[in-house]
């Protein structure tokens, strides 16, 4: 994150996505049986897909 070379707007968008994923990952780590954070993780991945033109993203992955 410290060496990010994106434009400021894209940088902020990416960091928001990373923050959402990080919070959800911490919750899963604290309670691996709690599946309530899965929707937030999926939404963060959808945010990435909507906001970034990354042709290699989501190949073979299933968000729904």
PDB file of N, CA and C in Angstrom:
ATOM      1  N   UNK A   1       0.831  -1.194   0.000  1.00  0.00           N
ATOM      2  CA  UNK A   1       0.000   0.000   0.000  1.00  0.00           C
ATOM      3  C   UNK A   1       0.868   1.247   0.000  1.00  0.00           C
ATOM      4  N   UNK A   2       1.956   1.219   0.731  1.00  0.00           N
ATOM      5  CA  UNK A   2       2.814   2.397   0.835  1.00  0.00           C
ATOM      6  C   UNK A   2       3.437   2.784  -0.503  1.00  0.00           C
ATOM      7  N   UNK A   3       3.614   1.829  -1.399  1.00  0.00           N
ATOM      8  CA  UNK A   3       4.257   2.098  -2.678  1.00  0.00           C
ATOM      9  C   UNK A   3       3.273   2.191  -3.843  1.00  0.00           C
ATOM     10  N   UNK A   4       2.018   2.435  -3.534  1.00  0.00           N
ATOM     11  CA  UNK A   4       0.986   2.507  -4.564  1.00  0.00           C
ATOM     12  C   UNK A   4       1.282   3.660  -5.523  1.00  0.00           C
ATOM     13  N   UNK A   5       1.125   3.399  -6.818  1.00  0.00           N
ATOM     14  CA  UNK A   5       1.428   4.410  -7.825  1.00  0.00           C
ATOM     15  C   UNK A   5       0.197   4.783  -8.648  1.00  0.00           C
ATOM     16  N   UNK A   6      -0.976   4.550  -8.087  1.00  0.00           N
ATOM     17  CA  UNK A   6      -2.215   4.913  -8.764  1.00  0.00           C
ATOM     18  C   UNK A   6      -2.475   6.408  -8.625  1.00  0.00           C
ATOM     19  N   UNK A   7      -3.331   6.908  -9.491  1.00  0.00           N
ATOM     20  CA  UNK A   7      -3.799   8.289  -9.348  1.00  0.00           C
ATOM     21  C   UNK A   7      -4.537   8.395  -8.013  1.00  0.00           C
ATOM     22  N   UNK A   8      -4.588   9.579  -7.406  1.00  0.00           N
ATOM     23  CA  UNK A   8      -5.180   9.719  -6.071  1.00  0.00           C
ATOM     24  C   UNK A   8      -6.598   9.149  -5.935  1.00  0.00           C
ATOM     25  N   UNK A   9      -7.457   9.378  -6.920  1.00  0.00           N
ATOM     26  CA  UNK A   9      -8.838   8.882  -6.817  1.00  0.00           C
ATOM     27  C   UNK A   9      -8.874   7.351  -6.844  1.00  0.00           C
ATOM     28  N   UNK A  10      -8.121   6.757  -7.749  1.00  0.00           N
ATOM     29  CA  UNK A  10      -8.059   5.301  -7.826  1.00  0.00           C
ATOM     30  C   UNK A  10      -7.383   4.718  -6.592  1.00  0.00           C
ATOM     31  N   UNK A  11      -6.365   5.396  -6.098  1.00  0.00           N
ATOM     32  CA  UNK A  11      -5.665   4.971  -4.894  1.00  0.00           C
ATOM     33  C   UNK A  11      -6.626   4.905  -3.714  1.00  0.00           C
ATOM     34  N   UNK A  12      -7.441   5.942  -3.556  1.00  0.00           N
ATOM     35  CA  UNK A  12      -8.403   5.981  -2.459  1.00  0.00           C
ATOM     36  C   UNK A  12      -9.429   4.864  -2.612  1.00  0.00           C
ATOM     37  N   UNK A  13      -9.919   4.651  -3.827  1.00  0.00           N
ATOM     38  CA  UNK A  13     -10.901   3.598  -4.073  1.00  0.00           C
ATOM     39  C   UNK A  13     -10.316   2.222  -3.730  1.00  0.00           C
ATOM     40  N   UNK A  14      -9.088   1.985  -4.153  1.00  0.00           N
ATOM     41  CA  UNK A  14      -8.453   0.702  -3.871  1.00  0.00           C
ATOM     42  C   UNK A  14      -8.241   0.508  -2.377  1.00  0.00           C
ATOM     43  N   UNK A  15      -7.812   1.545  -1.695  1.00  0.00           N
ATOM     44  CA  UNK A  15      -7.587   1.429  -0.251  1.00  0.00           C
ATOM     45  C   UNK A  15      -8.893   1.179   0.503  1.00  0.00           C
ATOM     46  N   UNK A  16      -9.999   1.729   0.028  1.00  0.00           N
ATOM     47  CA  UNK A  16     -11.294   1.463   0.661  1.00  0.00           C
ATOM     48  C   UNK A  16     -11.659  -0.015   0.488  1.00  0.00           C
ATOM     49  N   UNK A  17     -11.401  -0.561  -0.677  1.00  0.00           N
ATOM     50  CA  UNK A  17     -11.680  -1.974  -0.930  1.00  0.00           C
ATOM     51  C   UNK A  17     -10.794  -2.851  -0.045  1.00  0.00           C
ATOM     52  N   UNK A  18      -9.521  -2.509   0.028  1.00  0.00           N
ATOM     53  CA  UNK A  18      -8.593  -3.260   0.880  1.00  0.00           C
ATOM     54  C   UNK A  18      -9.023  -3.188   2.337  1.00  0.00           C
ATOM     55  N   UNK A  19      -9.473  -2.032   2.782  1.00  0.00           N
ATOM     56  CA  UNK A  19      -9.920  -1.875   4.170  1.00  0.00           C
ATOM     57  C   UNK A  19     -11.129  -2.766   4.458  1.00  0.00           C
ATOM     58  N   UNK A  20     -12.091  -2.794   3.532  1.00  0.00           N
ATOM     59  CA  UNK A  20     -13.267  -3.657   3.726  1.00  0.00           C
ATOM     60  C   UNK A  20     -12.861  -5.124   3.814  1.00  0.00           C
ATOM     61  N   UNK A  21     -11.980  -5.535   2.922  1.00  0.00           N
ATOM     62  CA  UNK A  21     -11.532  -6.925   2.935  1.00  0.00           C
ATOM     63  C   UNK A  21     -10.735  -7.237   4.201  1.00  0.00           C
ATOM     64  N   UNK A  22      -9.925  -6.304   4.635  1.00  0.00           N
ATOM     65  CA  UNK A  22      -9.117  -6.506   5.837  1.00  0.00           C
ATOM     66  C   UNK A  22      -9.991  -6.650   7.082  1.00  0.00           C
ATOM     67  N   UNK A  23     -10.999  -5.796   7.208  1.00  0.00           N
ATOM     68  CA  UNK A  23     -11.905  -5.900   8.352  1.00  0.00           C
ATOM     69  C   UNK A  23     -12.645  -7.224   8.356  1.00  0.00           C
ATOM     70  N   UNK A  24     -13.112  -7.628   7.192  1.00  0.00           N
ATOM     71  CA  UNK A  24     -13.815  -8.906   7.098  1.00  0.00           C
ATOM     72  C   UNK A  24     -12.875 -10.064   7.419  1.00  0.00           C
ATOM     73  N   UNK A  25     -11.643 -10.002   6.945  1.00  0.00           N
ATOM     74  CA  UNK A  25     -10.667 -11.059   7.215  1.00  0.00           C
ATOM     75  C   UNK A  25     -10.360 -11.151   8.710  1.00  0.00           C
ATOM     76  N   UNK A  26     -10.268 -10.013   9.375  1.00  0.00           N
ATOM     77  CA  UNK A  26     -10.042 -10.011  10.819  1.00  0.00           C
ATOM     78  C   UNK A  26     -11.200 -10.673  11.557  1.00  0.00           C
ATOM     79  N   UNK A  27     -12.422 -10.396  11.102  1.00  0.00           N
ATOM     80  CA  UNK A  27     -13.597 -10.997  11.729  1.00  0.00           C
ATOM     81  C   UNK A  27     -13.604 -12.507  11.529  1.00  0.00           C
ATOM     82  N   UNK A  28     -13.235 -12.961  10.339  1.00  0.00           N
ATOM     83  CA  UNK A  28     -13.179 -14.403  10.065  1.00  0.00           C
ATOM     84  C   UNK A  28     -12.080 -15.049  10.904  1.00  0.00           C
ATOM     85  N   UNK A  29     -10.976 -14.368  11.037  1.00  0.00           N
ATOM     86  CA  UNK A  29      -9.881 -14.901  11.856  1.00  0.00           C
ATOM     87  C   UNK A  29     -10.319 -15.049  13.309  1.00  0.00           C
ATOM     88  N   UNK A  30     -11.082 -14.075  13.791  1.00  0.00           N
ATOM     89  CA  UNK A  30     -11.555 -14.116  15.174  1.00  0.00           C
ATOM     90  C   UNK A  30     -12.580 -15.225  15.389  1.00  0.00           C
ATOM     91  N   UNK A  31     -13.406 -15.475  14.370  1.00  0.00           N
ATOM     92  CA  UNK A  31     -14.433 -16.509  14.474  1.00  0.00           C
ATOM     93  C   UNK A  31     -14.624 -17.166  13.113  1.00  0.00           C
ATOM     94  N   UNK A  32     -13.843 -18.192  12.812  1.00  0.00           N
ATOM     95  CA  UNK A  32     -13.900 -18.830  11.498  1.00  0.00           C
ATOM     96  C   UNK A  32     -15.271 -19.407  11.131  1.00  0.00           C
ATOM     97  N   UNK A  33     -16.108 -19.676  12.102  1.00  0.00           N
ATOM     98  CA  UNK A  33     -17.431 -20.227  11.825  1.00  0.00           C
ATOM     99  C   UNK A  33     -18.471 -19.157  11.506  1.00  0.00           C
ATOM    100  N   UNK A  34     -18.142 -17.904  11.735  1.00  0.00           N
ATOM    101  CA  UNK A  34     -19.070 -16.803  11.471  1.00  0.00           C
ATOM    102  C   UNK A  34     -19.012 -16.442   9.993  1.00  0.00           C
ATOM    103  N   UNK A  35     -20.071 -16.722   9.298  1.00  0.00           N
ATOM    104  CA  UNK A  35     -20.135 -16.466   7.855  1.00  0.00           C
ATOM    105  C   UNK A  35     -20.775 -15.119   7.528  1.00  0.00           C
ATOM    106  N   UNK A  36     -21.057 -14.320   8.528  1.00  0.00           N
ATOM    107  CA  UNK A  36     -21.772 -13.062   8.296  1.00  0.00           C
ATOM    108  C   UNK A  36     -20.953 -12.026   7.526  1.00  0.00           C
ATOM    109  N   UNK A  37     -19.643 -12.191   7.458  1.00  0.00           N
ATOM    110  CA  UNK A  37     -18.813 -11.215   6.735  1.00  0.00           C
ATOM    111  C   UNK A  37     -18.665 -11.541   5.247  1.00  0.00           C
ATOM    112  N   UNK A  38     -19.131 -12.699   4.843  1.00  0.00           N
ATOM    113  CA  UNK A  38     -19.001 -13.087   3.433  1.00  0.00           C
ATOM    114  C   UNK A  38     -19.676 -12.093   2.497  1.00  0.00           C
ATOM    115  N   UNK A  39     -20.893 -11.630   2.785  1.00  0.00           N
ATOM    116  CA  UNK A  39     -21.494 -10.631   1.879  1.00  0.00           C
ATOM    117  C   UNK A  39     -20.652  -9.359   1.737  1.00  0.00           C
ATOM    118  N   UNK A  40     -20.031  -8.908   2.816  1.00  0.00           N
ATOM    119  CA  UNK A  40     -19.182  -7.712   2.748  1.00  0.00           C
ATOM    120  C   UNK A  40     -17.954  -7.966   1.874  1.00  0.00           C
ATOM    121  N   UNK A  41     -17.398  -9.159   1.955  1.00  0.00           N
ATOM    122  CA  UNK A  41     -16.252  -9.505   1.115  1.00  0.00           C
ATOM    123  C   UNK A  41     -16.659  -9.534  -0.355  1.00  0.00           C
ATOM    124  N   UNK A  42     -17.792 -10.137  -0.625  1.00  0.00           N
ATOM    125  CA  UNK A  42     -18.276 -10.180  -2.001  1.00  0.00           C
ATOM    126  C   UNK A  42     -18.531  -8.784  -2.548  1.00  0.00           C
ATOM    127  N   UNK A  43     -19.104  -7.928  -1.725  1.00  0.00           N
ATOM    128  CA  UNK A  43     -19.381  -6.561  -2.164  1.00  0.00           C
ATOM    129  C   UNK A  43     -18.080  -5.805  -2.438  1.00  0.00           C
ATOM    130  N   UNK A  44     -17.067  -6.014  -1.617  1.00  0.00           N
ATOM    131  CA  UNK A  44     -15.769  -5.369  -1.857  1.00  0.00           C
ATOM    132  C   UNK A  44     -15.175  -5.828  -3.184  1.00  0.00           C
ATOM    133  N   UNK A  45     -15.312  -7.113  -3.493  1.00  0.00           N
ATOM    134  CA  UNK A  45     -14.816  -7.622  -4.773  1.00  0.00           C
ATOM    135  C   UNK A  45     -15.622  -7.046  -5.943  1.00  0.00           C
ATOM    136  N   UNK A  46     -16.923  -6.890  -5.739  1.00  0.00           N
ATOM    137  CA  UNK A  46     -17.738  -6.256  -6.785  1.00  0.00           C
ATOM    138  C   UNK A  46     -17.322  -4.797  -6.978  1.00  0.00           C
ATOM    139  N   UNK A  47     -17.021  -4.121  -5.871  1.00  0.00           N
ATOM    140  CA  UNK A  47     -16.542  -2.732  -5.965  1.00  0.00           C
ATOM    141  C   UNK A  47     -15.294  -2.671  -6.831  1.00  0.00           C
ATOM    142  N   UNK A  48     -14.371  -3.596  -6.598  1.00  0.00           N
ATOM    143  CA  UNK A  48     -13.142  -3.630  -7.384  1.00  0.00           C
ATOM    144  C   UNK A  48     -13.475  -3.816  -8.861  1.00  0.00           C
ATOM    145  N   UNK A  49     -14.336  -4.777  -9.130  1.00  0.00           N
ATOM    146  CA  UNK A  49     -14.688  -5.076 -10.517  1.00  0.00           C
ATOM    147  C   UNK A  49     -15.361  -3.886 -11.198  1.00  0.00           C
ATOM    148  N   UNK A  50     -16.197  -3.149 -10.448  1.00  0.00           N
ATOM    149  CA  UNK A  50     -16.878  -1.973 -11.008  1.00  0.00           C
ATOM    150  C   UNK A  50     -15.933  -0.799 -11.224  1.00  0.00           C
ATOM    151  N   UNK A  51     -14.962  -0.634 -10.351  1.00  0.00           N
ATOM    152  CA  UNK A  51     -14.151   0.573 -10.352  1.00  0.00           C
ATOM    153  C   UNK A  51     -12.835   0.451 -11.123  1.00  0.00           C
ATOM    154  N   UNK A  52     -12.410  -0.770 -11.421  1.00  0.00           N
ATOM    155  CA  UNK A  52     -11.117  -0.950 -12.067  1.00  0.00           C
ATOM    156  C   UNK A  52     -11.254  -1.808 -13.315  1.00  0.00           C
ATOM    157  N   UNK A  53     -10.584  -1.401 -14.359  1.00  0.00           N
ATOM    158  CA  UNK A  53     -10.565  -2.149 -15.609  1.00  0.00           C
ATOM    159  C   UNK A  53      -9.395  -3.122 -15.544  1.00  0.00           C
ATOM    160  N   UNK A  54      -9.672  -4.291 -15.000  1.00  0.00           N
ATOM    161  CA  UNK A  54      -8.643  -5.310 -14.802  1.00  0.00           C
ATOM    162  C   UNK A  54      -9.105  -6.583 -15.497  1.00  0.00           C
ATOM    163  N   UNK A  55      -8.688  -6.790 -16.761  1.00  0.00           N
ATOM    164  CA  UNK A  55      -9.181  -7.927 -17.531  1.00  0.00           C
ATOM    165  C   UNK A  55      -8.847  -9.285 -16.911  1.00  0.00           C
ATOM    166  N   UNK A  56      -7.848  -9.358 -16.083  1.00  0.00           N
ATOM    167  CA  UNK A  56      -7.484 -10.626 -15.464  1.00  0.00           C
ATOM    168  C   UNK A  56      -8.232 -10.928 -14.186  1.00  0.00           C
ATOM    169  N   UNK A  57      -8.995  -9.960 -13.695  1.00  0.00           N
ATOM    170  CA  UNK A  57      -9.704 -10.153 -12.443  1.00  0.00           C
ATOM    171  C   UNK A  57     -10.922 -11.038 -12.626  1.00  0.00           C
ATOM    172  N   UNK A  58     -11.164 -11.886 -11.657  1.00  0.00           N
ATOM    173  CA  UNK A  58     -12.379 -12.687 -11.556  1.00  0.00           C
ATOM    174  C   UNK A  58     -12.427 -13.833 -12.569  1.00  0.00           C
ATOM    175  N   UNK A  59     -11.337 -14.151 -13.200  1.00  0.00           N
ATOM    176  CA  UNK A  59     -11.351 -15.288 -14.112  1.00  0.00           C
ATOM    177  C   UNK A  59     -11.480 -16.574 -13.304  1.00  0.00           C
ATOM    178  N   UNK A  60     -12.594 -17.228 -13.503  1.00  0.00           N
ATOM    179  CA  UNK A  60     -12.828 -18.490 -12.808  1.00  0.00           C
ATOM    180  C   UNK A  60     -13.360 -18.317 -11.399  1.00  0.00           C
ATOM    181  N   UNK A  61     -13.431 -17.094 -10.907  1.00  0.00           N
ATOM    182  CA  UNK A  61     -13.948 -16.862  -9.557  1.00  0.00           C
ATOM    183  C   UNK A  61     -15.469 -16.746  -9.604  1.00  0.00           C
ATOM    184  N   UNK A  62     -16.075 -17.045  -8.485  1.00  0.00           N
ATOM    185  CA  UNK A  62     -17.527 -16.945  -8.408  1.00  0.00           C
ATOM    186  C   UNK A  62     -17.873 -16.043  -7.233  1.00  0.00           C
ATOM    187  N   UNK A  63     -18.516 -14.921  -7.513  1.00  0.00           N
ATOM    188  CA  UNK A  63     -18.879 -13.976  -6.460  1.00  0.00           C
ATOM    189  C   UNK A  63     -20.271 -14.239  -5.902  1.00  0.00           C
ATOM    190  N   UNK A  64     -21.117 -14.873  -6.657  1.00  0.00           N
ATOM    191  CA  UNK A  64     -22.479 -15.103  -6.176  1.00  0.00           C
ATOM    192  C   UNK A  64     -22.689 -16.502  -5.683  1.00  0.00           C
TER     193      UNK A  64
END
